[in-house]
Amino acid sequence: MAKIVNLRTIRKRRAREEDTKRAAENAARFGRTKAQKTLEETRAELSRRRLDAHRRDDD
């Protein structure tokens, strides 16, 4: 005799596994560590300062 299976729970389980897989892929593709974010922000600020230092004021 076959085991009775609730299809709703199987669909939910499959959806959860797909969501977890998608989240892992997105984290690998777009995720950055806090150190990487800080480094990028620091470099952007330094670049902005250097650019502003070379501006000419035509008053």
N, C-alpha and C. Protein backbone atom coordinates (compact mmCIF):
# COMPACT_ATOMS: atom_id res chain seq x y z
N MET A 1 0.83 -1.18 0.00
CA MET A 1 0.00 0.00 0.00
C MET A 1 0.88 1.25 0.00
N ALA A 2 0.48 2.26 -0.73
CA ALA A 2 1.26 3.49 -0.88
C ALA A 2 1.09 4.40 0.33
N LYS A 3 2.11 5.15 0.58
CA LYS A 3 2.07 6.10 1.68
C LYS A 3 1.28 7.33 1.25
N ILE A 4 0.43 7.84 2.10
CA ILE A 4 -0.37 9.02 1.79
C ILE A 4 0.52 10.25 1.94
N VAL A 5 0.50 11.08 0.89
CA VAL A 5 1.37 12.26 0.86
C VAL A 5 0.52 13.51 0.68
N ASN A 6 0.79 14.51 1.47
CA ASN A 6 0.09 15.79 1.34
C ASN A 6 0.84 16.62 0.30
N LEU A 7 0.23 16.85 -0.84
CA LEU A 7 0.89 17.56 -1.94
C LEU A 7 1.19 19.01 -1.60
N ARG A 8 0.36 19.61 -0.76
CA ARG A 8 0.58 21.00 -0.39
C ARG A 8 1.91 21.17 0.34
N THR A 9 2.21 20.27 1.27
CA THR A 9 3.47 20.38 2.00
C THR A 9 4.66 20.13 1.08
N ILE A 10 4.50 19.25 0.11
CA ILE A 10 5.60 19.01 -0.84
C ILE A 10 5.84 20.24 -1.69
N ARG A 11 4.77 20.89 -2.14
CA ARG A 11 4.92 22.12 -2.94
C ARG A 11 5.58 23.21 -2.12
N LYS A 12 5.17 23.34 -0.87
CA LYS A 12 5.77 24.36 0.00
C LYS A 12 7.24 24.07 0.24
N ARG A 13 7.58 22.81 0.46
CA ARG A 13 8.97 22.44 0.70
C ARG A 13 9.82 22.74 -0.54
N ARG A 14 9.29 22.40 -1.72
CA ARG A 14 10.00 22.66 -2.96
C ARG A 14 10.20 24.16 -3.18
N ALA A 15 9.17 24.95 -2.87
CA ALA A 15 9.26 26.41 -3.02
C ALA A 15 10.31 26.97 -2.07
N ARG A 16 10.34 26.46 -0.83
CA ARG A 16 11.35 26.93 0.13
C ARG A 16 12.76 26.61 -0.35
N GLU A 17 12.95 25.41 -0.88
CA GLU A 17 14.27 25.02 -1.37
C GLU A 17 14.69 25.89 -2.56
N GLU A 18 13.76 26.20 -3.44
CA GLU A 18 14.08 27.07 -4.57
C GLU A 18 14.42 28.47 -4.10
N ASP A 19 13.68 28.99 -3.11
CA ASP A 19 13.96 30.31 -2.57
C ASP A 19 15.35 30.35 -1.92
N THR A 20 15.68 29.30 -1.19
CA THR A 20 16.99 29.23 -0.56
C THR A 20 18.10 29.20 -1.60
N LYS A 21 17.88 28.43 -2.64
CA LYS A 21 18.87 28.34 -3.72
C LYS A 21 19.04 29.70 -4.40
N ARG A 22 17.93 30.36 -4.70
CA ARG A 22 17.98 31.68 -5.34
C ARG A 22 18.68 32.70 -4.43
N ALA A 23 18.41 32.64 -3.14
CA ALA A 23 19.04 33.55 -2.19
C ALA A 23 20.54 33.34 -2.15
N ALA A 24 20.98 32.09 -2.19
CA ALA A 24 22.41 31.80 -2.17
C ALA A 24 23.07 32.31 -3.45
N GLU A 25 22.41 32.15 -4.58
CA GLU A 25 22.96 32.65 -5.84
C GLU A 25 23.08 34.17 -5.81
N ASN A 26 22.04 34.85 -5.31
CA ASN A 26 22.08 36.31 -5.24
C ASN A 26 23.14 36.80 -4.27
N ALA A 27 23.32 36.10 -3.17
CA ALA A 27 24.33 36.49 -2.20
C ALA A 27 25.72 36.36 -2.81
N ALA A 28 25.92 35.32 -3.60
CA ALA A 28 27.22 35.14 -4.24
C ALA A 28 27.44 36.19 -5.33
N ARG A 29 26.37 36.55 -6.02
CA ARG A 29 26.50 37.48 -7.14
C ARG A 29 26.59 38.92 -6.67
N PHE A 30 25.76 39.33 -5.72
CA PHE A 30 25.66 40.73 -5.34
C PHE A 30 26.19 41.04 -3.95
N GLY A 31 26.39 40.05 -3.14
CA GLY A 31 26.76 40.29 -1.75
C GLY A 31 28.18 40.78 -1.61
N ARG A 32 28.37 41.69 -0.69
CA ARG A 32 29.69 42.20 -0.37
C ARG A 32 29.83 42.23 1.15
N THR A 33 31.03 42.07 1.62
CA THR A 33 31.24 42.14 3.05
C THR A 33 31.24 43.60 3.49
N LYS A 34 31.14 43.81 4.77
CA LYS A 34 31.14 45.17 5.31
C LYS A 34 32.47 45.86 5.01
N ALA A 35 33.55 45.10 5.08
CA ALA A 35 34.87 45.67 4.79
C ALA A 35 34.95 46.13 3.34
N GLN A 36 34.39 45.35 2.43
CA GLN A 36 34.41 45.74 1.02
C GLN A 36 33.57 47.00 0.79
N LYS A 37 32.42 47.10 1.44
CA LYS A 37 31.58 48.28 1.30
C LYS A 37 32.29 49.52 1.83
N THR A 38 32.92 49.38 2.99
CA THR A 38 33.63 50.50 3.60
C THR A 38 34.79 50.94 2.71
N LEU A 39 35.54 49.98 2.19
CA LEU A 39 36.66 50.30 1.31
C LEU A 39 36.17 51.04 0.06
N GLU A 40 35.09 50.58 -0.51
CA GLU A 40 34.55 51.24 -1.71
C GLU A 40 34.10 52.66 -1.41
N GLU A 41 33.42 52.85 -0.27
CA GLU A 41 32.98 54.19 0.12
C GLU A 41 34.17 55.11 0.37
N THR A 42 35.22 54.60 1.00
CA THR A 42 36.41 55.39 1.28
C THR A 42 37.09 55.80 -0.02
N ARG A 43 37.21 54.88 -0.95
CA ARG A 43 37.83 55.20 -2.24
C ARG A 43 37.01 56.23 -3.01
N ALA A 44 35.70 56.13 -2.96
CA ALA A 44 34.83 57.09 -3.64
C ALA A 44 34.99 58.48 -3.03
N GLU A 45 35.05 58.54 -1.72
CA GLU A 45 35.22 59.83 -1.05
C GLU A 45 36.58 60.44 -1.39
N LEU A 46 37.62 59.64 -1.41
CA LEU A 46 38.95 60.13 -1.76
C LEU A 46 38.97 60.65 -3.20
N SER A 47 38.34 59.93 -4.09
CA SER A 47 38.26 60.35 -5.48
C SER A 47 37.49 61.67 -5.60
N ARG A 48 36.39 61.79 -4.86
CA ARG A 48 35.61 63.03 -4.88
C ARG A 48 36.43 64.20 -4.36
N ARG A 49 37.19 63.99 -3.30
CA ARG A 49 38.04 65.06 -2.75
C ARG A 49 39.11 65.49 -3.74
N ARG A 50 39.73 64.54 -4.39
CA ARG A 50 40.77 64.87 -5.37
C ARG A 50 40.19 65.67 -6.54
N LEU A 51 39.01 65.29 -6.98
CA LEU A 51 38.36 66.00 -8.06
C LEU A 51 38.01 67.42 -7.63
N ASP A 52 37.47 67.59 -6.43
CA ASP A 52 37.13 68.92 -5.93
C ASP A 52 38.37 69.78 -5.74
N ALA A 53 39.49 69.18 -5.41
CA ALA A 53 40.72 69.93 -5.20
C ALA A 53 41.24 70.52 -6.50
N HIS A 54 40.88 69.96 -7.63
CA HIS A 54 41.35 70.45 -8.93
C HIS A 54 40.35 71.37 -9.62
N ARG A 55 39.28 71.71 -8.93
CA ARG A 55 38.30 72.61 -9.54
C ARG A 55 38.82 74.04 -9.60
N ARG A 56 38.36 74.71 -10.59
CA ARG A 56 38.72 76.11 -10.73
C ARG A 56 37.52 76.95 -10.31
N ASP A 57 37.76 77.95 -9.53
CA ASP A 57 36.69 78.84 -9.11
C ASP A 57 36.71 80.07 -10.01
N ASP A 58 35.71 80.21 -10.84
CA ASP A 58 35.60 81.37 -11.72
C ASP A 58 34.55 82.31 -11.17
N ASP A 59 34.96 83.15 -10.25
CA ASP A 59 34.00 84.10 -9.64
C ASP A 59 34.05 85.44 -10.32
